[in-house]
Amino acid sequence: MSKEQFQGLFFLWVIVIGIELFWLYMTVTSYIYDAGFIAFVITFIASTLIIGAFGIYLVSKHVNWQQNE
């Protein structure tokens, strides 16, 4: 995996987290919400953070950090 591919993967993960945080914001600011659903959204975001961070950590071990010239 190249450095550019790794950066693309990281930015994709950041976009997904941003969408999930926006989803949480829209859920909390709506006047009709269920505490169980908010707990589900927070758990979903936490799972995405943990799995994504661990996955990026594992993938970073296979990145070719050397610049090919």
N, C-alpha and C. Protein backbone atom coordinates (compact mmCIF):
# COMPACT_ATOMS: atom_id res chain seq x y z
N MET A 1 0.85 -1.17 0.00
CA MET A 1 0.00 0.00 0.00
C MET A 1 0.90 1.24 0.00
N SER A 2 0.53 2.19 -0.82
CA SER A 2 1.33 3.40 -0.91
C SER A 2 0.86 4.42 0.13
N LYS A 3 1.68 5.44 0.29
CA LYS A 3 1.37 6.51 1.25
C LYS A 3 0.09 7.23 0.84
N GLU A 4 -0.13 7.43 -0.46
CA GLU A 4 -1.32 8.12 -0.95
C GLU A 4 -2.58 7.30 -0.69
N GLN A 5 -2.50 5.99 -0.86
CA GLN A 5 -3.64 5.13 -0.58
C GLN A 5 -3.97 5.15 0.91
N PHE A 6 -2.94 5.17 1.74
CA PHE A 6 -3.16 5.22 3.18
C PHE A 6 -3.83 6.54 3.57
N GLN A 7 -3.40 7.64 2.98
CA GLN A 7 -4.02 8.93 3.26
C GLN A 7 -5.47 8.95 2.81
N GLY A 8 -5.76 8.34 1.68
CA GLY A 8 -7.14 8.24 1.20
C GLY A 8 -8.00 7.43 2.15
N LEU A 9 -7.45 6.34 2.66
CA LEU A 9 -8.18 5.52 3.63
C LEU A 9 -8.46 6.30 4.91
N PHE A 10 -7.47 7.05 5.36
CA PHE A 10 -7.64 7.85 6.57
C PHE A 10 -8.71 8.92 6.36
N PHE A 11 -8.67 9.63 5.23
CA PHE A 11 -9.66 10.67 4.97
C PHE A 11 -11.06 10.09 4.82
N LEU A 12 -11.17 8.90 4.25
CA LEU A 12 -12.48 8.23 4.17
C LEU A 12 -13.01 7.94 5.56
N TRP A 13 -12.14 7.49 6.45
CA TRP A 13 -12.53 7.20 7.83
C TRP A 13 -12.98 8.48 8.53
N VAL A 14 -12.28 9.57 8.29
CA VAL A 14 -12.65 10.86 8.89
C VAL A 14 -14.02 11.32 8.37
N ILE A 15 -14.28 11.12 7.09
CA ILE A 15 -15.58 11.50 6.53
C ILE A 15 -16.70 10.67 7.15
N VAL A 16 -16.48 9.38 7.33
CA VAL A 16 -17.49 8.52 7.94
C VAL A 16 -17.77 8.97 9.37
N ILE A 17 -16.73 9.28 10.13
CA ILE A 17 -16.91 9.76 11.50
C ILE A 17 -17.68 11.08 11.49
N GLY A 18 -17.36 11.97 10.56
CA GLY A 18 -18.08 13.23 10.46
C GLY A 18 -19.56 13.02 10.18
N ILE A 19 -19.89 12.10 9.28
CA ILE A 19 -21.29 11.81 8.98
C ILE A 19 -22.00 11.25 10.21
N GLU A 20 -21.32 10.38 10.93
CA GLU A 20 -21.93 9.81 12.14
C GLU A 20 -22.13 10.87 13.22
N LEU A 21 -21.18 11.77 13.38
CA LEU A 21 -21.35 12.84 14.37
C LEU A 21 -22.49 13.78 13.97
N PHE A 22 -22.63 14.05 12.67
CA PHE A 22 -23.76 14.85 12.20
C PHE A 22 -25.08 14.13 12.48
N TRP A 23 -25.10 12.81 12.27
CA TRP A 23 -26.28 11.99 12.57
C TRP A 23 -26.63 12.10 14.06
N LEU A 24 -25.62 12.03 14.93
CA LEU A 24 -25.85 12.18 16.37
C LEU A 24 -26.39 13.56 16.68
N TYR A 25 -25.81 14.59 16.07
CA TYR A 25 -26.28 15.96 16.29
C TYR A 25 -27.74 16.11 15.87
N MET A 26 -28.10 15.59 14.72
CA MET A 26 -29.48 15.70 14.24
C MET A 26 -30.43 14.89 15.13
N THR A 27 -29.97 13.78 15.67
CA THR A 27 -30.81 12.97 16.55
C THR A 27 -31.06 13.68 17.87
N VAL A 28 -30.03 14.29 18.43
CA VAL A 28 -30.15 14.95 19.72
C VAL A 28 -30.96 16.24 19.61
N THR A 29 -30.80 16.97 18.51
CA THR A 29 -31.50 18.24 18.38
C THR A 29 -32.96 18.09 17.96
N SER A 30 -33.35 16.91 17.51
CA SER A 30 -34.77 16.71 17.18
C SER A 30 -35.55 16.60 18.49
N TYR A 31 -36.78 17.05 18.45
CA TYR A 31 -37.59 17.06 19.66
C TYR A 31 -38.19 15.70 19.98
N ILE A 32 -38.21 14.82 19.01
CA ILE A 32 -38.76 13.48 19.23
C ILE A 32 -37.62 12.49 19.09
N TYR A 33 -37.09 12.05 20.20
CA TYR A 33 -36.03 11.05 20.16
C TYR A 33 -36.18 10.11 21.35
N ASP A 34 -35.61 8.97 21.19
CA ASP A 34 -35.66 7.92 22.19
C ASP A 34 -34.27 7.75 22.79
N ALA A 35 -34.19 7.60 24.10
CA ALA A 35 -32.89 7.46 24.76
C ALA A 35 -32.17 6.19 24.28
N GLY A 36 -32.92 5.16 23.99
CA GLY A 36 -32.32 3.93 23.48
C GLY A 36 -31.69 4.13 22.12
N PHE A 37 -32.33 4.92 21.28
CA PHE A 37 -31.78 5.18 19.95
C PHE A 37 -30.51 6.02 20.05
N ILE A 38 -30.50 6.99 20.94
CA ILE A 38 -29.29 7.80 21.14
C ILE A 38 -28.16 6.94 21.67
N ALA A 39 -28.46 6.02 22.56
CA ALA A 39 -27.44 5.10 23.05
C ALA A 39 -26.90 4.23 21.92
N PHE A 40 -27.80 3.81 21.01
CA PHE A 40 -27.37 3.03 19.86
C PHE A 40 -26.43 3.84 18.97
N VAL A 41 -26.76 5.09 18.70
CA VAL A 41 -25.93 5.94 17.85
C VAL A 41 -24.56 6.17 18.49
N ILE A 42 -24.53 6.43 19.78
CA ILE A 42 -23.25 6.65 20.47
C ILE A 42 -22.41 5.38 20.45
N THR A 43 -23.04 4.23 20.66
CA THR A 43 -22.32 2.96 20.60
C THR A 43 -21.79 2.70 19.20
N PHE A 44 -22.59 3.02 18.20
CA PHE A 44 -22.17 2.85 16.81
C PHE A 44 -20.96 3.71 16.49
N ILE A 45 -20.98 4.97 16.94
CA ILE A 45 -19.86 5.87 16.71
C ILE A 45 -18.61 5.37 17.44
N ALA A 46 -18.77 4.94 18.68
CA ALA A 46 -17.63 4.43 19.44
C ALA A 46 -17.04 3.19 18.76
N SER A 47 -17.89 2.31 18.26
CA SER A 47 -17.41 1.11 17.56
C SER A 47 -16.65 1.49 16.30
N THR A 48 -17.16 2.45 15.56
CA THR A 48 -16.48 2.90 14.34
C THR A 48 -15.12 3.50 14.67
N LEU A 49 -15.06 4.29 15.74
CA LEU A 49 -13.79 4.88 16.15
C LEU A 49 -12.77 3.81 16.51
N ILE A 50 -13.18 2.85 17.31
CA ILE A 50 -12.25 1.81 17.78
C ILE A 50 -11.81 0.91 16.64
N ILE A 51 -12.76 0.40 15.86
CA ILE A 51 -12.41 -0.51 14.77
C ILE A 51 -11.61 0.22 13.69
N GLY A 52 -12.00 1.45 13.37
CA GLY A 52 -11.27 2.21 12.37
C GLY A 52 -9.86 2.54 12.80
N ALA A 53 -9.69 2.96 14.04
CA ALA A 53 -8.36 3.29 14.54
C ALA A 53 -7.46 2.06 14.56
N PHE A 54 -8.01 0.94 14.99
CA PHE A 54 -7.22 -0.30 15.02
C PHE A 54 -6.88 -0.75 13.61
N GLY A 55 -7.84 -0.64 12.69
CA GLY A 55 -7.59 -1.02 11.30
C GLY A 55 -6.54 -0.14 10.66
N ILE A 56 -6.62 1.16 10.89
CA ILE A 56 -5.62 2.06 10.32
C ILE A 56 -4.25 1.79 10.93
N TYR A 57 -4.21 1.46 12.21
CA TYR A 57 -2.94 1.10 12.86
C TYR A 57 -2.32 -0.14 12.19
N LEU A 58 -3.15 -1.15 11.94
CA LEU A 58 -2.64 -2.36 11.30
C LEU A 58 -2.21 -2.10 9.87
N VAL A 59 -2.98 -1.32 9.13
CA VAL A 59 -2.64 -1.03 7.74
C VAL A 59 -1.37 -0.18 7.66
N SER A 60 -1.17 0.70 8.63
CA SER A 60 0.01 1.57 8.58
C SER A 60 1.30 0.77 8.67
N LYS A 61 1.25 -0.44 9.18
CA LYS A 61 2.45 -1.27 9.23
C LYS A 61 2.86 -1.76 7.85
N HIS A 62 1.93 -1.73 6.88
CA HIS A 62 2.21 -2.23 5.54
C HIS A 62 2.36 -1.10 4.53
N VAL A 63 2.42 0.13 4.99
CA VAL A 63 2.57 1.27 4.08
C VAL A 63 4.03 1.43 3.73
N ASN A 64 4.27 1.65 2.46
CA ASN A 64 5.63 1.93 2.00
C ASN A 64 5.89 3.41 2.21
N TRP A 65 6.59 3.76 3.27
CA TRP A 65 6.82 5.16 3.62
C TRP A 65 7.97 5.76 2.82
N GLN A 66 8.72 4.94 2.11
CA GLN A 66 9.85 5.44 1.32
C GLN A 66 9.34 6.08 0.03
N GLN A 67 9.92 7.20 -0.33
CA GLN A 67 9.56 7.87 -1.58
C GLN A 67 10.33 7.21 -2.72
N ASN A 68 9.59 6.73 -3.71
CA ASN A 68 10.23 6.12 -4.88
C ASN A 68 10.65 7.23 -5.83
N GLU A 69 11.94 7.32 -6.07
CA GLU A 69 12.46 8.37 -6.95
C GLU A 69 13.16 7.78 -8.12
